[in-house]
């Protein structure tokens, strides 16, 4: 039946400390691209189960590098969400949380009264060090 794991899927699945298979409960596809179509280099993907039997709260954590900007790749600290400043060719790191049940961002935007801008809580930019 649809949604059940094959023998190959079970062999590739992570195991809990009790030996039980840990897998995502939904199958879906989602593409994330920087606003200007810049190169993205994903380097890690972690499935973080919440422990809820229904899968509510399960997340995917994606990390990598890009010179691009966009919702999935964080923004520079202190910059308003859509004001990304001058373009850079330096690769910077990013970390993004995604809801495992459908590919939506795991978090929201909150309003920062000091910068008078919306700040996202689902992705973080990791700035490269000059030099």
Protein backbone atom coordinates (compact mmCIF):
# COMPACT_ATOMS: atom_id res chain seq x y z
CA UNK A 1 0.00 0.00 0.00
CA UNK A 2 0.98 3.60 -0.59
CA UNK A 3 2.92 5.17 2.26
CA UNK A 4 4.46 1.92 3.53
CA UNK A 5 8.22 1.51 3.45
CA UNK A 6 9.89 -1.02 1.17
CA UNK A 7 12.64 -3.30 2.46
CA UNK A 8 15.21 -0.98 0.86
CA UNK A 9 13.64 2.07 2.56
CA UNK A 10 13.80 0.32 5.93
CA UNK A 11 17.51 -0.54 5.42
CA UNK A 12 18.30 3.11 4.61
CA UNK A 13 16.22 4.53 7.47
CA UNK A 14 17.90 5.86 10.59
CA UNK A 15 17.54 3.83 13.77
CA UNK A 16 16.56 5.01 17.24
CA UNK A 17 18.55 3.98 20.29
CA UNK A 18 16.07 1.07 20.64
CA UNK A 19 16.68 -0.06 17.05
CA UNK A 20 13.33 1.15 15.69
CA UNK A 21 13.33 2.74 12.19
CA UNK A 22 12.98 6.53 12.24
CA UNK A 23 11.43 7.82 9.03
CA UNK A 24 9.43 10.71 7.68
CA UNK A 25 5.72 9.97 7.53
CA UNK A 26 5.02 11.96 4.35
CA UNK A 27 6.55 11.97 0.87
CA UNK A 28 6.77 15.37 -0.81
CA UNK A 29 9.00 17.53 -2.95
CA UNK A 30 9.82 21.23 -2.55
CA UNK A 31 12.33 23.45 -4.36
CA UNK A 32 14.02 26.44 -2.79
CA UNK A 33 15.99 28.86 -4.96
CA UNK A 34 17.75 32.14 -4.12
CA UNK A 35 15.96 35.26 -5.35
CA UNK A 36 18.49 35.90 -8.14
CA UNK A 37 18.99 32.22 -9.07
CA UNK A 38 22.47 32.04 -7.50
CA UNK A 39 24.28 28.76 -6.89
CA UNK A 40 23.32 26.79 -3.76
CA UNK A 41 25.46 24.05 -2.29
CA UNK A 42 23.56 21.94 0.24
CA UNK A 43 25.93 20.02 2.47
CA UNK A 44 23.76 18.42 5.11
CA UNK A 45 20.22 17.25 5.81
CA UNK A 46 19.00 16.09 9.20
CA UNK A 47 15.61 14.59 9.99
CA UNK A 48 14.63 15.66 13.52
CA UNK A 49 11.63 13.67 14.76
CA UNK A 50 9.58 15.39 17.44
CA UNK A 51 8.58 12.22 19.26
CA UNK A 52 4.90 12.80 18.54
CA UNK A 53 3.25 9.58 17.30
CA UNK A 54 1.49 11.48 14.49
CA UNK A 55 4.65 13.23 13.31
CA UNK A 56 3.44 16.67 14.36
CA UNK A 57 6.51 18.83 14.88
CA UNK A 58 8.93 16.64 12.89
CA UNK A 59 11.48 18.84 11.09
CA UNK A 60 14.15 18.72 8.43
CA UNK A 61 17.25 20.81 9.06
CA UNK A 62 19.08 21.80 5.86
CA UNK A 63 22.55 23.37 5.89
CA UNK A 64 24.81 24.53 3.09
CA UNK A 65 26.43 27.52 1.41
CA UNK A 66 25.34 30.10 -1.15
CA UNK A 67 26.11 33.63 -2.31
CA UNK A 68 22.39 34.03 -2.99
CA UNK A 69 19.66 35.49 -0.82
CA UNK A 70 16.09 34.51 -0.14
CA UNK A 71 13.69 33.24 2.47
CA UNK A 72 15.22 29.76 2.66
CA UNK A 73 18.79 31.05 2.89
CA UNK A 74 18.56 33.71 5.60
CA UNK A 75 19.39 37.37 5.31
CA UNK A 76 22.27 39.35 6.68
CA UNK A 77 21.84 40.30 10.32
CA UNK A 78 19.93 43.54 10.81
CA UNK A 79 18.84 43.85 7.18
CA UNK A 80 15.12 44.16 6.52
CA UNK A 81 13.74 41.03 4.90
CA UNK A 82 13.76 42.32 1.32
CA UNK A 83 16.69 44.78 1.59
CA UNK A 84 19.62 42.45 1.01
CA UNK A 85 22.23 45.16 0.42
CA UNK A 86 24.96 44.92 -2.19
CA UNK A 87 25.42 41.59 -3.96
CA UNK A 88 28.33 39.50 -2.81
CA UNK A 89 30.12 36.63 -4.51
CA UNK A 90 31.33 35.27 -1.16
CA UNK A 91 29.76 32.01 -0.14
CA UNK A 92 28.04 32.19 3.21
CA UNK A 93 26.45 29.42 5.22
CA UNK A 94 22.77 28.93 5.91
CA UNK A 95 20.63 26.75 8.14
CA UNK A 96 16.92 26.29 7.42
CA UNK A 97 14.18 24.47 9.36
CA UNK A 98 11.43 22.85 7.28
CA UNK A 99 8.29 21.07 8.50
CA UNK A 100 8.67 17.40 7.56
CA UNK A 101 4.98 16.85 6.85
CA UNK A 102 4.74 19.12 3.81
CA UNK A 103 7.79 21.28 3.13
CA UNK A 104 6.65 24.54 4.72
CA UNK A 105 9.13 26.62 6.70
CA UNK A 106 9.22 25.56 10.36
CA UNK A 107 8.89 28.92 12.04
CA UNK A 108 7.46 32.27 11.22
CA UNK A 109 8.38 35.88 10.78
CA UNK A 110 8.38 38.12 13.81
CA UNK A 111 8.41 41.89 13.90
CA UNK A 112 11.53 43.43 15.45
CA UNK A 113 10.63 46.83 16.91
CA UNK A 114 14.27 47.94 17.10
CA UNK A 115 15.02 47.45 13.40
CA UNK A 116 11.40 48.11 12.35
CA UNK A 117 11.53 45.00 10.14
CA UNK A 118 10.26 41.45 9.97
CA UNK A 119 12.85 38.83 10.95
CA UNK A 120 12.42 35.18 9.97
CA UNK A 121 12.83 32.50 12.62
CA UNK A 122 13.12 29.54 10.23
CA UNK A 123 16.43 30.27 8.49
CA UNK A 124 19.71 31.72 9.63
CA UNK A 125 22.52 33.22 7.62
CA UNK A 126 26.05 32.28 8.74
CA UNK A 127 28.31 35.09 7.56
CA UNK A 128 31.74 34.24 6.15
CA UNK A 129 34.80 35.77 7.74
CA UNK A 130 36.71 38.21 5.49
CA UNK A 131 40.37 37.55 4.85
